[in-house]
Amino acid sequence: MQAIEDIQEQLKSEQFGVLWQLDLKEKLKEKGVEFNRTYHILEVCNPVEAKRVLTENAHRSR
């Protein structure tokens, strides 16, 4: 799907990567549920920011 490819390219330019994606319509269809709208869910991460946030939060929780 072109929109997802475009989003992924934009994410790369912001140093984010896609960790996981879900085609909700297809997943619901697998479960026997009809859903007529197209939804794609992307889990994204910027590893540098993730490390920074996790490090900061680790210091605060001590």
C-alpha atoms as a PDB file:
ATOM      1  CA  MET A   1       0.000   0.000   0.000  1.00  0.00           C
ATOM      2  CA  GLN A   2       1.518   3.281  -1.141  1.00  0.00           C
ATOM      3  CA  ALA A   3       0.414   5.284   1.890  1.00  0.00           C
ATOM      4  CA  ILE A   4       2.207   2.915   4.272  1.00  0.00           C
ATOM      5  CA  GLU A   5       5.349   2.972   2.139  1.00  0.00           C
ATOM      6  CA  ASP A   6       5.265   6.788   2.144  1.00  0.00           C
ATOM      7  CA  ILE A   7       4.839   6.864   5.926  1.00  0.00           C
ATOM      8  CA  GLN A   8       7.718   4.435   6.393  1.00  0.00           C
ATOM      9  CA  GLU A   9       9.991   6.589   4.233  1.00  0.00           C
ATOM     10  CA  GLN A  10       9.043   9.689   6.223  1.00  0.00           C
ATOM     11  CA  LEU A  11       9.658   7.814   9.465  1.00  0.00           C
ATOM     12  CA  LYS A  12      13.130   6.803   8.264  1.00  0.00           C
ATOM     13  CA  SER A  13      13.974  10.427   7.604  1.00  0.00           C
ATOM     14  CA  GLU A  14      13.061  11.138  11.251  1.00  0.00           C
ATOM     15  CA  GLN A  15      15.179   8.150  12.422  1.00  0.00           C
ATOM     16  CA  PHE A  16      12.176   5.982  13.290  1.00  0.00           C
ATOM     17  CA  GLY A  17      11.705   2.387  12.266  1.00  0.00           C
ATOM     18  CA  VAL A  18       8.617   0.202  12.114  1.00  0.00           C
ATOM     19  CA  LEU A  19       8.826  -2.562  14.707  1.00  0.00           C
ATOM     20  CA  TRP A  20       5.492  -4.167  13.901  1.00  0.00           C
ATOM     21  CA  GLN A  21       2.423  -3.602  11.774  1.00  0.00           C
ATOM     22  CA  LEU A  22      -1.105  -4.946  11.816  1.00  0.00           C
ATOM     23  CA  ASP A  23      -3.693  -5.062   9.047  1.00  0.00           C
ATOM     24  CA  LEU A  24      -6.724  -4.876  11.318  1.00  0.00           C
ATOM     25  CA  LYS A  25      -9.267  -5.689   8.606  1.00  0.00           C
ATOM     26  CA  GLU A  26      -7.399  -8.900   7.708  1.00  0.00           C
ATOM     27  CA  LYS A  27      -6.853  -9.866  11.357  1.00  0.00           C
ATOM     28  CA  LEU A  28     -10.555  -9.495  12.099  1.00  0.00           C
ATOM     29  CA  LYS A  29     -11.390 -11.482   8.957  1.00  0.00           C
ATOM     30  CA  GLU A  30      -9.149 -14.307  10.272  1.00  0.00           C
ATOM     31  CA  LYS A  31     -11.284 -14.269  13.412  1.00  0.00           C
ATOM     32  CA  GLY A  32     -14.533 -14.471  11.418  1.00  0.00           C
ATOM     33  CA  VAL A  33     -15.464 -10.809  11.856  1.00  0.00           C
ATOM     34  CA  GLU A  34     -16.295  -8.695   8.824  1.00  0.00           C
ATOM     35  CA  PHE A  35     -14.991  -5.148   9.005  1.00  0.00           C
ATOM     36  CA  ASN A  36     -15.333  -2.983   5.917  1.00  0.00           C
ATOM     37  CA  ARG A  37     -12.819  -0.256   6.711  1.00  0.00           C
ATOM     38  CA  THR A  38      -9.106  -0.472   6.082  1.00  0.00           C
ATOM     39  CA  TYR A  39      -6.959   0.113   9.167  1.00  0.00           C
ATOM     40  CA  HIS A  40      -3.243  -0.446   9.441  1.00  0.00           C
ATOM     41  CA  ILE A  41      -1.525   0.018  12.767  1.00  0.00           C
ATOM     42  CA  LEU A  42       2.215   0.675  12.841  1.00  0.00           C
ATOM     43  CA  GLU A  43       4.335   0.420  15.963  1.00  0.00           C
ATOM     44  CA  VAL A  44       7.277   2.744  15.515  1.00  0.00           C
ATOM     45  CA  CYS A  45      10.413   3.465  17.490  1.00  0.00           C
ATOM     46  CA  ASN A  46      13.337   5.836  17.431  1.00  0.00           C
ATOM     47  CA  PRO A  47      16.029   3.745  19.151  1.00  0.00           C
ATOM     48  CA  VAL A  48      18.099   6.742  20.255  1.00  0.00           C
ATOM     49  CA  GLU A  49      15.072   8.394  21.860  1.00  0.00           C
ATOM     50  CA  ALA A  50      13.919   5.106  23.362  1.00  0.00           C
ATOM     51  CA  LYS A  51      17.289   4.651  25.066  1.00  0.00           C
ATOM     52  CA  ARG A  52      17.257   8.250  26.327  1.00  0.00           C
ATOM     53  CA  VAL A  53      13.760   7.939  27.812  1.00  0.00           C
ATOM     54  CA  LEU A  54      14.426   4.536  29.333  1.00  0.00           C
ATOM     55  CA  THR A  55      17.693   5.750  30.857  1.00  0.00           C
ATOM     56  CA  GLU A  56      16.063   8.871  32.307  1.00  0.00           C
ATOM     57  CA  ASN A  57      13.192   6.884  33.758  1.00  0.00           C
ATOM     58  CA  ALA A  58      15.563   4.290  35.235  1.00  0.00           C
ATOM     59  CA  HIS A  59      17.428   7.031  37.109  1.00  0.00           C
ATOM     60  CA  ARG A  60      14.189   8.483  38.466  1.00  0.00           C
ATOM     61  CA  SER A  61      12.865   5.174  39.758  1.00  0.00           C
ATOM     62  CA  ARG A  62      15.844   4.492  42.003  1.00  0.00           C
END
